[in-house]
Amino acid sequence: MPSAHAAGSTARIAPVTIVRTRTPSGEAIVILPEVEFERLRELAEDTLDTRVIEGLQRHLNAGVEELLDEADLDALRAAPSLLAF
C-alpha cells in the first residue's frame, strides 16, 4: 500500500487510534490499526532501501566497489555456466 507521501499526494491521512499500554511485565507497547502498521513498515523499508543505495553509491564513487563493464557482462552472458566466467 503506497503512502500518500510516497505518491507525492497532498492528501491527509485520517487520524489513527493509537493505544499506549504496558505488558504485565511492564514493557511499554503501542497498539495501532494494522493498515497504519503496514504503512509505517513500508516507510521504514523505503528509508532502509534509500540508505543502502546511497551507501553503495558512495562505495562506487570511492572506488571501494566496482561494476562489471559491458565486455565483462557479455563474457558472463556467453559463458556456458557462471563458473566458467
N, C-alpha and C. Protein backbone atom coordinates (compact mmCIF):
# COMPACT_ATOMS: atom_id res chain seq x y z
N MET A 1 0.84 -1.17 0.00
CA MET A 1 0.00 0.00 0.00
C MET A 1 0.88 1.23 0.00
N PRO A 2 0.99 1.96 -1.09
CA PRO A 2 1.84 3.13 -1.14
C PRO A 2 1.27 4.23 -0.26
N SER A 3 2.15 4.95 0.42
CA SER A 3 1.70 6.04 1.26
C SER A 3 1.37 7.25 0.40
N ALA A 4 0.57 8.14 0.97
CA ALA A 4 0.23 9.37 0.25
C ALA A 4 1.49 10.19 0.01
N HIS A 5 2.41 10.16 0.96
CA HIS A 5 3.66 10.92 0.83
C HIS A 5 4.50 10.36 -0.32
N ALA A 6 4.62 9.03 -0.39
CA ALA A 6 5.45 8.42 -1.43
C ALA A 6 4.90 8.71 -2.82
N ALA A 7 3.58 8.84 -2.93
CA ALA A 7 2.98 9.08 -4.23
C ALA A 7 3.02 10.56 -4.61
N GLY A 8 3.50 11.41 -3.70
CA GLY A 8 3.57 12.82 -3.99
C GLY A 8 2.25 13.53 -3.80
N SER A 9 1.29 12.90 -3.16
CA SER A 9 -0.02 13.48 -2.95
C SER A 9 0.00 14.40 -1.73
N THR A 10 -0.91 15.35 -1.71
CA THR A 10 -1.05 16.22 -0.55
C THR A 10 -2.20 15.77 0.33
N ALA A 11 -2.77 14.58 0.05
CA ALA A 11 -3.88 14.07 0.83
C ALA A 11 -3.45 13.86 2.28
N ARG A 12 -4.35 14.15 3.18
CA ARG A 12 -4.08 13.97 4.60
C ARG A 12 -4.47 12.56 5.02
N ILE A 13 -3.69 12.01 5.93
CA ILE A 13 -4.01 10.70 6.46
C ILE A 13 -4.96 10.91 7.63
N ALA A 14 -6.03 10.15 7.66
CA ALA A 14 -7.03 10.28 8.71
C ALA A 14 -6.40 10.00 10.07
N PRO A 15 -6.90 10.65 11.13
CA PRO A 15 -6.38 10.38 12.47
C PRO A 15 -6.47 8.88 12.79
N VAL A 16 -5.47 8.40 13.49
CA VAL A 16 -5.37 6.99 13.80
C VAL A 16 -5.52 6.80 15.30
N THR A 17 -6.31 5.82 15.70
CA THR A 17 -6.43 5.50 17.12
C THR A 17 -5.22 4.67 17.53
N ILE A 18 -4.47 5.21 18.48
CA ILE A 18 -3.29 4.52 18.98
C ILE A 18 -3.47 4.32 20.47
N VAL A 19 -3.22 3.11 20.93
CA VAL A 19 -3.33 2.79 22.34
C VAL A 19 -1.94 2.52 22.89
N ARG A 20 -1.56 3.27 23.88
CA ARG A 20 -0.29 3.05 24.57
C ARG A 20 -0.60 2.36 25.88
N THR A 21 0.11 1.26 26.12
CA THR A 21 -0.15 0.49 27.33
C THR A 21 1.13 -0.22 27.75
N ARG A 22 1.03 -1.04 28.74
CA ARG A 22 2.18 -1.81 29.22
C ARG A 22 1.77 -3.27 29.33
N THR A 23 2.74 -4.15 29.06
CA THR A 23 2.51 -5.58 29.22
C THR A 23 2.52 -5.90 30.72
N PRO A 24 2.09 -7.09 31.10
CA PRO A 24 2.14 -7.45 32.52
C PRO A 24 3.54 -7.35 33.12
N SER A 25 4.57 -7.50 32.28
CA SER A 25 5.94 -7.39 32.79
C SER A 25 6.44 -5.94 32.82
N GLY A 26 5.62 -4.99 32.35
CA GLY A 26 5.98 -3.59 32.42
C GLY A 26 6.54 -2.99 31.15
N GLU A 27 6.65 -3.79 30.09
CA GLU A 27 7.18 -3.28 28.82
C GLU A 27 6.16 -2.36 28.16
N ALA A 28 6.60 -1.17 27.76
CA ALA A 28 5.71 -0.23 27.06
C ALA A 28 5.45 -0.74 25.65
N ILE A 29 4.18 -0.76 25.25
CA ILE A 29 3.82 -1.18 23.89
C ILE A 29 2.80 -0.19 23.32
N VAL A 30 2.68 -0.23 22.01
CA VAL A 30 1.71 0.61 21.31
C VAL A 30 0.86 -0.31 20.44
N ILE A 31 -0.43 -0.11 20.48
CA ILE A 31 -1.36 -0.86 19.65
C ILE A 31 -1.95 0.11 18.63
N LEU A 32 -1.87 -0.26 17.34
CA LEU A 32 -2.39 0.60 16.30
C LEU A 32 -3.03 -0.27 15.22
N PRO A 33 -3.87 0.34 14.38
CA PRO A 33 -4.52 -0.43 13.32
C PRO A 33 -3.47 -1.05 12.39
N GLU A 34 -3.79 -2.25 11.90
CA GLU A 34 -2.86 -2.98 11.03
C GLU A 34 -2.49 -2.17 9.80
N VAL A 35 -3.45 -1.47 9.21
CA VAL A 35 -3.16 -0.69 8.00
C VAL A 35 -2.12 0.39 8.30
N GLU A 36 -2.19 0.99 9.48
CA GLU A 36 -1.20 2.00 9.86
C GLU A 36 0.15 1.35 10.12
N PHE A 37 0.15 0.19 10.75
CA PHE A 37 1.40 -0.55 10.97
C PHE A 37 2.07 -0.85 9.64
N GLU A 38 1.30 -1.33 8.66
CA GLU A 38 1.86 -1.66 7.33
C GLU A 38 2.40 -0.42 6.64
N ARG A 39 1.70 0.71 6.78
CA ARG A 39 2.16 1.96 6.18
C ARG A 39 3.50 2.37 6.78
N LEU A 40 3.61 2.29 8.09
CA LEU A 40 4.86 2.64 8.76
C LEU A 40 5.98 1.67 8.40
N ARG A 41 5.65 0.38 8.29
CA ARG A 41 6.65 -0.62 7.92
C ARG A 41 7.19 -0.34 6.51
N GLU A 42 6.30 0.00 5.59
CA GLU A 42 6.73 0.31 4.22
C GLU A 42 7.60 1.56 4.19
N LEU A 43 7.27 2.56 4.98
CA LEU A 43 8.11 3.76 5.05
C LEU A 43 9.49 3.42 5.58
N ALA A 44 9.55 2.56 6.60
CA ALA A 44 10.84 2.14 7.15
C ALA A 44 11.65 1.38 6.11
N GLU A 45 11.00 0.49 5.36
CA GLU A 45 11.69 -0.26 4.31
C GLU A 45 12.20 0.67 3.22
N ASP A 46 11.40 1.66 2.85
CA ASP A 46 11.83 2.63 1.83
C ASP A 46 13.05 3.39 2.31
N THR A 47 13.04 3.78 3.59
CA THR A 47 14.18 4.50 4.16
C THR A 47 15.43 3.63 4.16
N LEU A 48 15.27 2.36 4.53
CA LEU A 48 16.41 1.44 4.53
C LEU A 48 16.94 1.25 3.11
N ASP A 49 16.04 1.07 2.15
CA ASP A 49 16.47 0.91 0.75
C ASP A 49 17.26 2.13 0.30
N THR A 50 16.78 3.32 0.65
CA THR A 50 17.47 4.55 0.26
C THR A 50 18.86 4.61 0.87
N ARG A 51 18.98 4.22 2.13
CA ARG A 51 20.29 4.24 2.80
C ARG A 51 21.25 3.24 2.15
N VAL A 52 20.74 2.06 1.80
CA VAL A 52 21.59 1.05 1.15
C VAL A 52 22.08 1.57 -0.20
N ILE A 53 21.18 2.15 -0.98
CA ILE A 53 21.54 2.67 -2.30
C ILE A 53 22.56 3.80 -2.16
N GLU A 54 22.34 4.69 -1.21
CA GLU A 54 23.29 5.80 -1.02
C GLU A 54 24.66 5.27 -0.59
N GLY A 55 24.68 4.25 0.28
CA GLY A 55 25.94 3.65 0.70
C GLY A 55 26.68 3.00 -0.46
N LEU A 56 25.95 2.27 -1.29
CA LEU A 56 26.56 1.65 -2.46
C LEU A 56 27.10 2.70 -3.43
N GLN A 57 26.34 3.77 -3.59
CA GLN A 57 26.80 4.85 -4.49
C GLN A 57 28.08 5.47 -3.95
N ARG A 58 28.16 5.68 -2.63
CA ARG A 58 29.39 6.22 -2.04
C ARG A 58 30.57 5.27 -2.28
N HIS A 59 30.33 3.95 -2.14
CA HIS A 59 31.39 2.97 -2.37
C HIS A 59 31.82 2.96 -3.83
N LEU A 60 30.88 3.08 -4.74
CA LEU A 60 31.23 3.15 -6.16
C LEU A 60 32.06 4.40 -6.44
N ASN A 61 31.62 5.52 -5.91
CA ASN A 61 32.33 6.79 -6.14
C ASN A 61 33.74 6.77 -5.53
N ALA A 62 33.90 6.05 -4.42
CA ALA A 62 35.21 6.00 -3.75
C ALA A 62 36.10 4.89 -4.31
N GLY A 63 35.57 4.09 -5.22
CA GLY A 63 36.34 3.00 -5.80
C GLY A 63 36.42 1.76 -4.92
N VAL A 64 35.63 1.72 -3.85
CA VAL A 64 35.60 0.56 -2.96
C VAL A 64 34.88 -0.60 -3.66
N GLU A 65 33.85 -0.27 -4.41
CA GLU A 65 33.10 -1.25 -5.20
C GLU A 65 33.24 -0.87 -6.66
N GLU A 66 33.07 -1.85 -7.53
CA GLU A 66 33.09 -1.53 -8.96
C GLU A 66 32.04 -2.38 -9.67
N LEU A 67 31.63 -1.88 -10.79
CA LEU A 67 30.64 -2.58 -11.61
C LEU A 67 31.36 -3.29 -12.76
N LEU A 68 30.75 -4.35 -13.24
CA LEU A 68 31.29 -5.00 -14.43
C LEU A 68 31.08 -4.09 -15.63
N ASP A 69 32.07 -4.05 -16.51
CA ASP A 69 31.87 -3.26 -17.72
C ASP A 69 31.11 -4.12 -18.74
N GLU A 70 30.76 -3.51 -19.84
CA GLU A 70 29.94 -4.19 -20.85
C GLU A 70 30.61 -5.44 -21.40
N ALA A 71 31.93 -5.40 -21.61
CA ALA A 71 32.66 -6.56 -22.13
C ALA A 71 32.60 -7.72 -21.14
N ASP A 72 32.76 -7.43 -19.85
CA ASP A 72 32.66 -8.48 -18.84
C ASP A 72 31.25 -9.07 -18.79
N LEU A 73 30.25 -8.21 -18.90
CA LEU A 73 28.87 -8.70 -18.91
C LEU A 73 28.61 -9.59 -20.12
N ASP A 74 29.12 -9.20 -21.28
CA ASP A 74 28.96 -10.02 -22.48
C ASP A 74 29.63 -11.38 -22.29
N ALA A 75 30.83 -11.40 -21.72
CA ALA A 75 31.53 -12.66 -21.48
C ALA A 75 30.77 -13.52 -20.48
N LEU A 76 30.20 -12.90 -19.47
CA LEU A 76 29.42 -13.64 -18.48
C LEU A 76 28.18 -14.26 -19.12
N ARG A 77 27.50 -13.47 -19.94
CA ARG A 77 26.30 -13.98 -20.63
C ARG A 77 26.63 -15.10 -21.60
N ALA A 78 27.79 -15.05 -22.23
CA ALA A 78 28.17 -16.05 -23.22
C ALA A 78 28.75 -17.31 -22.59
N ALA A 79 29.16 -17.24 -21.35
CA ALA A 79 29.79 -18.39 -20.70
C ALA A 79 28.77 -19.53 -20.55
N PRO A 80 29.18 -20.79 -20.73
CA PRO A 80 28.26 -21.92 -20.60
C PRO A 80 27.70 -22.05 -19.18
N SER A 81 28.45 -21.60 -18.20
CA SER A 81 27.94 -21.55 -16.82
C SER A 81 28.63 -20.40 -16.10
N LEU A 82 28.06 -19.97 -15.02
CA LEU A 82 28.67 -18.87 -14.27
C LEU A 82 30.05 -19.24 -13.77
N LEU A 83 30.29 -20.53 -13.53
CA LEU A 83 31.60 -20.96 -13.06
C LEU A 83 32.66 -20.81 -14.12
N ALA A 84 32.26 -20.85 -15.38
CA ALA A 84 33.22 -20.71 -16.46
C ALA A 84 33.78 -19.30 -16.54
N PHE A 85 33.05 -18.35 -16.05
CA PHE A 85 33.47 -16.96 -16.12
C PHE A 85 34.61 -16.76 -15.16
